[in-house]
């Protein structure tokens, strides 16, 4: 079962797709647009190309666990994705994923410009890996 993870942002959306077994993160990319319709169009292409059966969407909570405007935006996107693709959409706590992604890229020697181009894809991969780990533990 392929799972698609999304790190939804204002100008860039990171995407990661699992392998066919649903156990490993595979393809990653960044959708560079602020237009929700364009993001959804590209997600549809990826869903079709990879045969995605489930979506995991980063749910940005505040550090105290409360929900703010970014979480509401993610919840709105989750509703639209369910309607558009008729797939289950799981909201996944994404606290610290972007910070962790920056740290990973910094440790790998990527400078600021190079990090900025791929950090959202790495954050999506971290969301996907967290969700896949949770699923494995639940089996």
N, C-alpha and C. Protein backbone atom coordinates (compact mmCIF):
# COMPACT_ATOMS: atom_id res chain seq x y z
N UNK A 1 0.84 -1.17 0.00
CA UNK A 1 0.00 0.00 0.00
C UNK A 1 0.89 1.24 0.00
N UNK A 2 0.73 2.08 -0.99
CA UNK A 2 1.52 3.32 -1.05
C UNK A 2 0.82 4.43 -0.28
N UNK A 3 1.62 5.16 0.47
CA UNK A 3 1.12 6.26 1.29
C UNK A 3 1.84 7.53 0.88
N UNK A 4 1.09 8.61 0.74
CA UNK A 4 1.63 9.90 0.37
C UNK A 4 1.59 10.82 1.59
N UNK A 5 2.72 11.43 1.91
CA UNK A 5 2.79 12.37 3.04
C UNK A 5 2.98 13.77 2.50
N UNK A 6 2.35 14.73 3.18
CA UNK A 6 2.37 16.12 2.72
C UNK A 6 2.77 17.03 3.87
N UNK A 7 3.74 17.91 3.59
CA UNK A 7 4.10 19.01 4.48
C UNK A 7 3.62 20.27 3.76
N UNK A 8 2.41 20.70 4.09
CA UNK A 8 1.74 21.79 3.38
C UNK A 8 2.20 23.14 3.91
N UNK A 9 2.65 24.00 2.99
CA UNK A 9 3.12 25.31 3.39
C UNK A 9 2.50 26.42 2.56
N UNK A 10 2.82 27.64 2.91
CA UNK A 10 2.26 28.79 2.20
C UNK A 10 2.79 28.89 0.77
N UNK A 11 4.08 28.69 0.57
CA UNK A 11 4.66 28.84 -0.76
C UNK A 11 5.24 27.54 -1.31
N UNK A 12 5.53 26.59 -0.44
CA UNK A 12 6.14 25.32 -0.85
C UNK A 12 5.46 24.19 -0.10
N UNK A 13 5.21 23.11 -0.82
CA UNK A 13 4.61 21.92 -0.21
C UNK A 13 5.52 20.74 -0.45
N UNK A 14 6.00 20.13 0.62
CA UNK A 14 6.83 18.95 0.51
C UNK A 14 5.96 17.71 0.41
N UNK A 15 6.42 16.75 -0.40
CA UNK A 15 5.67 15.52 -0.63
C UNK A 15 6.64 14.35 -0.55
N UNK A 16 6.20 13.27 0.08
CA UNK A 16 6.97 12.03 0.11
C UNK A 16 6.00 10.87 -0.13
N UNK A 17 6.45 9.89 -0.90
CA UNK A 17 5.62 8.72 -1.21
C UNK A 17 6.35 7.48 -0.73
N UNK A 18 5.62 6.60 -0.08
CA UNK A 18 6.24 5.36 0.41
C UNK A 18 6.50 4.40 -0.76
N UNK A 19 7.27 3.37 -0.46
CA UNK A 19 7.44 2.29 -1.43
C UNK A 19 6.14 1.49 -1.50
N UNK A 20 6.06 0.54 -2.40
CA UNK A 20 4.83 -0.23 -2.61
C UNK A 20 4.41 -1.04 -1.39
N UNK A 21 5.36 -1.38 -0.52
CA UNK A 21 5.01 -2.16 0.67
C UNK A 21 4.43 -1.29 1.79
N UNK A 22 4.61 0.03 1.68
CA UNK A 22 4.16 0.92 2.74
C UNK A 22 5.04 0.89 3.97
N UNK A 23 6.30 0.44 3.81
CA UNK A 23 7.21 0.36 4.94
C UNK A 23 8.36 1.36 4.88
N UNK A 24 8.67 1.89 3.69
CA UNK A 24 9.81 2.80 3.53
C UNK A 24 9.40 4.05 2.77
N UNK A 25 10.02 5.17 3.12
CA UNK A 25 9.82 6.40 2.35
C UNK A 25 10.59 6.28 1.05
N UNK A 26 9.98 6.75 -0.04
CA UNK A 26 10.62 6.66 -1.34
C UNK A 26 10.72 8.02 -1.99
N UNK A 27 9.97 8.23 -3.05
CA UNK A 27 10.00 9.47 -3.84
C UNK A 27 9.68 10.69 -2.99
N UNK A 28 10.46 11.77 -3.17
CA UNK A 28 10.16 13.04 -2.52
C UNK A 28 10.27 14.16 -3.55
N UNK A 29 9.50 15.22 -3.32
CA UNK A 29 9.60 16.41 -4.17
C UNK A 29 8.99 17.60 -3.45
N UNK A 30 9.23 18.78 -4.00
CA UNK A 30 8.64 20.01 -3.49
C UNK A 30 7.76 20.60 -4.58
N UNK A 31 6.54 20.95 -4.22
CA UNK A 31 5.63 21.65 -5.12
C UNK A 31 5.77 23.13 -4.79
N UNK A 32 6.29 23.89 -5.73
CA UNK A 32 6.60 25.30 -5.48
C UNK A 32 5.48 26.21 -5.99
N UNK A 33 4.44 26.33 -5.21
CA UNK A 33 3.36 27.25 -5.52
C UNK A 33 2.57 27.53 -4.25
N UNK A 34 1.95 28.69 -4.18
CA UNK A 34 1.08 29.03 -3.06
C UNK A 34 -0.38 28.76 -3.41
N UNK A 35 -0.66 28.43 -4.67
CA UNK A 35 -2.03 28.19 -5.12
C UNK A 35 -2.50 26.79 -4.74
N UNK A 36 -3.51 26.72 -3.88
CA UNK A 36 -4.01 25.42 -3.42
C UNK A 36 -4.45 24.54 -4.58
N UNK A 37 -5.10 25.13 -5.59
CA UNK A 37 -5.57 24.34 -6.73
C UNK A 37 -4.41 23.67 -7.46
N UNK A 38 -3.28 24.36 -7.58
CA UNK A 38 -2.10 23.79 -8.24
C UNK A 38 -1.50 22.68 -7.39
N UNK A 39 -1.48 22.87 -6.08
CA UNK A 39 -0.98 21.83 -5.18
C UNK A 39 -1.84 20.58 -5.33
N UNK A 40 -3.14 20.74 -5.31
CA UNK A 40 -4.05 19.60 -5.42
C UNK A 40 -3.92 18.92 -6.78
N UNK A 41 -3.74 19.72 -7.84
CA UNK A 41 -3.56 19.14 -9.17
C UNK A 41 -2.32 18.24 -9.20
N UNK A 42 -1.19 18.73 -8.67
CA UNK A 42 0.04 17.94 -8.66
C UNK A 42 -0.08 16.72 -7.75
N UNK A 43 -0.75 16.88 -6.62
CA UNK A 43 -0.97 15.73 -5.75
C UNK A 43 -1.78 14.66 -6.47
N UNK A 44 -2.77 15.08 -7.25
CA UNK A 44 -3.56 14.13 -8.03
C UNK A 44 -2.71 13.36 -9.02
N UNK A 45 -1.77 14.05 -9.65
CA UNK A 45 -0.87 13.36 -10.58
C UNK A 45 -0.03 12.32 -9.85
N UNK A 46 0.48 12.69 -8.69
CA UNK A 46 1.30 11.75 -7.90
C UNK A 46 0.48 10.57 -7.41
N UNK A 47 -0.74 10.84 -6.97
CA UNK A 47 -1.63 9.78 -6.49
C UNK A 47 -1.87 8.76 -7.61
N UNK A 48 -2.11 9.26 -8.81
CA UNK A 48 -2.35 8.37 -9.95
C UNK A 48 -1.07 7.65 -10.35
N UNK A 49 0.03 8.38 -10.46
CA UNK A 49 1.30 7.79 -10.90
C UNK A 49 1.77 6.67 -9.97
N UNK A 50 1.63 6.87 -8.67
CA UNK A 50 2.14 5.89 -7.71
C UNK A 50 1.09 4.94 -7.15
N UNK A 51 -0.17 5.13 -7.51
CA UNK A 51 -1.22 4.26 -6.98
C UNK A 51 -1.40 4.43 -5.48
N UNK A 52 -1.38 5.67 -5.02
CA UNK A 52 -1.49 5.97 -3.59
C UNK A 52 -2.86 5.55 -3.07
N UNK A 53 -2.87 4.95 -1.87
CA UNK A 53 -4.11 4.49 -1.26
C UNK A 53 -4.46 5.22 0.04
N UNK A 54 -3.50 6.01 0.55
CA UNK A 54 -3.74 6.73 1.80
C UNK A 54 -2.87 7.99 1.81
N UNK A 55 -3.38 9.04 2.44
CA UNK A 55 -2.66 10.31 2.54
C UNK A 55 -2.43 10.64 4.01
N UNK A 56 -1.22 11.12 4.32
CA UNK A 56 -0.89 11.60 5.66
C UNK A 56 -0.52 13.07 5.49
N UNK A 57 -1.25 13.92 6.18
CA UNK A 57 -1.05 15.36 6.06
C UNK A 57 -0.52 15.92 7.36
N UNK A 58 0.60 16.63 7.28
CA UNK A 58 1.16 17.26 8.47
C UNK A 58 0.16 18.21 9.10
N UNK A 59 -0.02 18.06 10.41
CA UNK A 59 -0.96 18.87 11.18
C UNK A 59 -0.14 19.72 12.14
N UNK A 60 0.10 20.97 11.78
CA UNK A 60 1.01 21.79 12.59
C UNK A 60 0.39 22.29 13.88
N UNK A 61 0.71 21.63 14.96
CA UNK A 61 0.24 22.06 16.28
C UNK A 61 1.28 22.99 16.89
N UNK A 62 0.82 23.83 17.79
CA UNK A 62 1.74 24.65 18.57
C UNK A 62 2.50 23.74 19.52
N UNK A 63 3.62 24.23 20.06
CA UNK A 63 4.44 23.38 20.93
C UNK A 63 3.69 22.93 22.18
N UNK A 64 2.68 23.68 22.61
CA UNK A 64 1.88 23.27 23.77
C UNK A 64 0.74 22.32 23.38
N UNK A 65 0.67 21.94 22.10
CA UNK A 65 -0.36 21.01 21.63
C UNK A 65 -1.62 21.68 21.14
N UNK A 66 -1.75 22.98 21.34
CA UNK A 66 -2.95 23.68 20.89
C UNK A 66 -2.93 23.85 19.37
N UNK A 67 -4.09 24.18 18.83
CA UNK A 67 -4.23 24.36 17.39
C UNK A 67 -4.31 25.84 17.06
N UNK A 68 -3.65 26.23 15.99
CA UNK A 68 -3.67 27.62 15.54
C UNK A 68 -4.14 27.71 14.11
N UNK A 69 -3.94 28.85 13.47
CA UNK A 69 -4.40 29.06 12.10
C UNK A 69 -3.79 28.09 11.09
N UNK A 70 -2.52 27.70 11.28
CA UNK A 70 -1.88 26.76 10.35
C UNK A 70 -2.55 25.39 10.44
N UNK A 71 -2.94 24.98 11.64
CA UNK A 71 -3.63 23.69 11.81
C UNK A 71 -4.99 23.74 11.13
N UNK A 72 -5.68 24.87 11.27
CA UNK A 72 -6.99 25.02 10.61
C UNK A 72 -6.85 24.95 9.10
N UNK A 73 -5.78 25.53 8.56
CA UNK A 73 -5.53 25.48 7.12
C UNK A 73 -5.30 24.01 6.68
N UNK A 74 -4.55 23.26 7.48
CA UNK A 74 -4.30 21.85 7.17
C UNK A 74 -5.60 21.05 7.23
N UNK A 75 -6.43 21.33 8.21
CA UNK A 75 -7.72 20.63 8.33
C UNK A 75 -8.60 20.91 7.12
N UNK A 76 -8.58 22.15 6.63
CA UNK A 76 -9.33 22.50 5.42
C UNK A 76 -8.82 21.74 4.21
N UNK A 77 -7.49 21.64 4.09
CA UNK A 77 -6.91 20.88 2.98
C UNK A 77 -7.27 19.41 3.09
N UNK A 78 -7.25 18.86 4.29
CA UNK A 78 -7.60 17.44 4.49
C UNK A 78 -9.02 17.17 3.99
N UNK A 79 -9.94 18.05 4.31
CA UNK A 79 -11.32 17.90 3.85
C UNK A 79 -11.39 17.94 2.33
N UNK A 80 -10.67 18.88 1.74
CA UNK A 80 -10.68 18.99 0.27
C UNK A 80 -10.05 17.76 -0.38
N UNK A 81 -8.98 17.23 0.19
CA UNK A 81 -8.34 16.04 -0.37
C UNK A 81 -9.26 14.82 -0.29
N UNK A 82 -9.97 14.68 0.83
CA UNK A 82 -10.92 13.56 0.96
C UNK A 82 -11.99 13.64 -0.11
N UNK A 83 -12.51 14.85 -0.33
CA UNK A 83 -13.56 15.05 -1.33
C UNK A 83 -13.03 14.82 -2.74
N UNK A 84 -11.85 15.32 -3.03
CA UNK A 84 -11.27 15.27 -4.37
C UNK A 84 -10.84 13.86 -4.78
N UNK A 85 -10.23 13.12 -3.85
CA UNK A 85 -9.61 11.85 -4.21
C UNK A 85 -10.26 10.62 -3.59
N UNK A 86 -11.23 10.81 -2.71
CA UNK A 86 -11.92 9.69 -2.05
C UNK A 86 -10.94 8.72 -1.40
N UNK A 87 -9.91 9.28 -0.77
CA UNK A 87 -8.92 8.48 -0.05
C UNK A 87 -8.94 8.87 1.42
N UNK A 88 -8.56 7.94 2.30
CA UNK A 88 -8.44 8.32 3.71
C UNK A 88 -7.29 9.31 3.88
N UNK A 89 -7.52 10.33 4.68
CA UNK A 89 -6.51 11.34 4.98
C UNK A 89 -6.32 11.39 6.49
N UNK A 90 -5.10 11.08 6.93
CA UNK A 90 -4.76 11.11 8.35
C UNK A 90 -4.04 12.42 8.64
N UNK A 91 -4.46 13.12 9.67
CA UNK A 91 -3.72 14.29 10.14
C UNK A 91 -2.65 13.80 11.11
N UNK A 92 -1.40 14.25 10.89
CA UNK A 92 -0.27 13.76 11.67
C UNK A 92 0.47 14.93 12.31
N UNK A 93 0.67 14.86 13.60
CA UNK A 93 1.37 15.90 14.34
C UNK A 93 2.76 16.11 13.73
N UNK A 94 2.99 17.30 13.23
CA UNK A 94 4.26 17.56 12.55
C UNK A 94 5.18 18.50 13.33
N UNK A 95 4.92 18.67 14.61
CA UNK A 95 5.79 19.55 15.40
C UNK A 95 7.26 19.19 15.21
N UNK A 96 8.05 20.19 14.96
CA UNK A 96 9.51 20.09 14.84
C UNK A 96 10.02 19.45 13.55
N UNK A 97 9.16 19.00 12.63
CA UNK A 97 9.68 18.33 11.44
C UNK A 97 10.54 19.25 10.58
N UNK A 98 10.12 20.51 10.42
CA UNK A 98 10.90 21.43 9.60
C UNK A 98 12.23 21.75 10.28
N UNK A 99 12.21 21.92 11.59
CA UNK A 99 13.46 22.16 12.33
C UNK A 99 14.38 20.95 12.19
N UNK A 100 13.83 19.76 12.37
CA UNK A 100 14.64 18.54 12.23
C UNK A 100 15.17 18.40 10.81
N UNK A 101 14.35 18.75 9.82
CA UNK A 101 14.80 18.68 8.42
C UNK A 101 15.97 19.63 8.18
N UNK A 102 15.88 20.86 8.70
CA UNK A 102 17.00 21.80 8.57
C UNK A 102 18.26 21.24 9.23
N UNK A 103 18.12 20.66 10.41
CA UNK A 103 19.27 20.09 11.11
C UNK A 103 19.90 18.94 10.34
N UNK A 104 19.09 18.09 9.76
CA UNK A 104 19.59 16.97 8.95
C UNK A 104 20.38 17.50 7.76
N UNK A 105 19.80 18.48 7.07
CA UNK A 105 20.46 19.03 5.88
C UNK A 105 21.73 19.79 6.25
N UNK A 106 21.70 20.51 7.37
CA UNK A 106 22.89 21.22 7.84
C UNK A 106 24.01 20.22 8.15
N UNK A 107 23.64 19.13 8.83
CA UNK A 107 24.62 18.09 9.17
C UNK A 107 25.20 17.43 7.92
N UNK A 108 24.42 17.42 6.85
CA UNK A 108 24.88 16.83 5.58
C UNK A 108 25.70 17.83 4.77
N UNK A 109 25.91 19.04 5.31
CA UNK A 109 26.74 20.02 4.64
C UNK A 109 26.03 20.90 3.63
N UNK A 110 24.71 20.91 3.64
CA UNK A 110 23.95 21.75 2.71
C UNK A 110 23.94 23.18 3.24
N UNK A 111 24.28 24.13 2.37
CA UNK A 111 24.23 25.53 2.80
C UNK A 111 22.79 26.02 2.79
N UNK A 112 22.57 27.25 3.24
CA UNK A 112 21.22 27.80 3.38
C UNK A 112 20.39 27.75 2.12
N UNK A 113 20.98 28.12 0.97
CA UNK A 113 20.24 28.12 -0.30
C UNK A 113 19.83 26.71 -0.70
N UNK A 114 20.75 25.77 -0.58
CA UNK A 114 20.45 24.39 -0.95
C UNK A 114 19.43 23.78 0.00
N UNK A 115 19.53 24.11 1.30
CA UNK A 115 18.56 23.60 2.28
C UNK A 115 17.17 24.10 1.94
N UNK A 116 17.04 25.37 1.61
CA UNK A 116 15.73 25.96 1.36
C UNK A 116 15.00 25.26 0.21
N UNK A 117 15.75 24.77 -0.78
CA UNK A 117 15.14 24.12 -1.94
C UNK A 117 14.55 22.76 -1.62
N UNK A 118 15.09 22.07 -0.61
CA UNK A 118 14.66 20.69 -0.36
C UNK A 118 14.10 20.44 1.04
N UNK A 119 14.13 21.45 1.91
CA UNK A 119 13.75 21.23 3.31
C UNK A 119 12.31 20.73 3.43
N UNK A 120 11.41 21.20 2.58
CA UNK A 120 10.01 20.76 2.68
C UNK A 120 9.84 19.30 2.28
N UNK A 121 10.63 18.84 1.31
CA UNK A 121 10.58 17.42 0.93
C UNK A 121 11.12 16.55 2.07
N UNK A 122 12.18 17.01 2.72
CA UNK A 122 12.74 16.26 3.84
C UNK A 122 11.74 16.24 5.00
N UNK A 123 11.07 17.37 5.25
CA UNK A 123 10.05 17.41 6.30
C UNK A 123 8.93 16.43 5.99
N UNK A 124 8.51 16.35 4.72
CA UNK A 124 7.46 15.40 4.34
C UNK A 124 7.93 13.96 4.56
N UNK A 125 9.20 13.69 4.25
CA UNK A 125 9.75 12.35 4.48
C UNK A 125 9.76 12.02 5.97
N UNK A 126 10.05 13.01 6.82
CA UNK A 126 10.02 12.78 8.27
C UNK A 126 8.59 12.51 8.75
N UNK A 127 7.62 13.23 8.21
CA UNK A 127 6.21 12.96 8.53
C UNK A 127 5.86 11.53 8.13
N UNK A 128 6.26 11.15 6.92
CA UNK A 128 5.96 9.80 6.42
C UNK A 128 6.64 8.74 7.28
N UNK A 129 7.91 8.94 7.60
CA UNK A 129 8.62 7.95 8.41
C UNK A 129 8.00 7.80 9.79
N UNK A 130 7.59 8.92 10.39
CA UNK A 130 6.92 8.84 11.69
C UNK A 130 5.62 8.06 11.61
N UNK A 131 4.85 8.31 10.57
CA UNK A 131 3.58 7.61 10.40
C UNK A 131 3.81 6.12 10.12
N UNK A 132 4.78 5.82 9.26
CA UNK A 132 5.06 4.41 8.95
C UNK A 132 5.53 3.65 10.19
N UNK A 133 6.35 4.30 11.01
CA UNK A 133 6.81 3.69 12.26
C UNK A 133 5.62 3.41 13.17
N UNK A 134 4.71 4.37 13.28
CA UNK A 134 3.50 4.19 14.08
C UNK A 134 2.68 3.01 13.56
N UNK A 135 2.50 2.93 12.25
CA UNK A 135 1.72 1.83 11.66
C UNK A 135 2.36 0.47 11.95
N UNK A 136 3.69 0.40 11.82
CA UNK A 136 4.38 -0.86 12.08
C UNK A 136 4.18 -1.30 13.52
N UNK A 137 4.26 -0.36 14.46
CA UNK A 137 4.10 -0.67 15.87
C UNK A 137 2.66 -1.08 16.21
N UNK A 138 1.71 -0.64 15.40
CA UNK A 138 0.31 -0.96 15.62
C UNK A 138 -0.10 -2.30 15.06
N UNK A 139 0.77 -2.90 14.27
CA UNK A 139 0.41 -4.17 13.60
C UNK A 139 0.54 -5.34 14.53
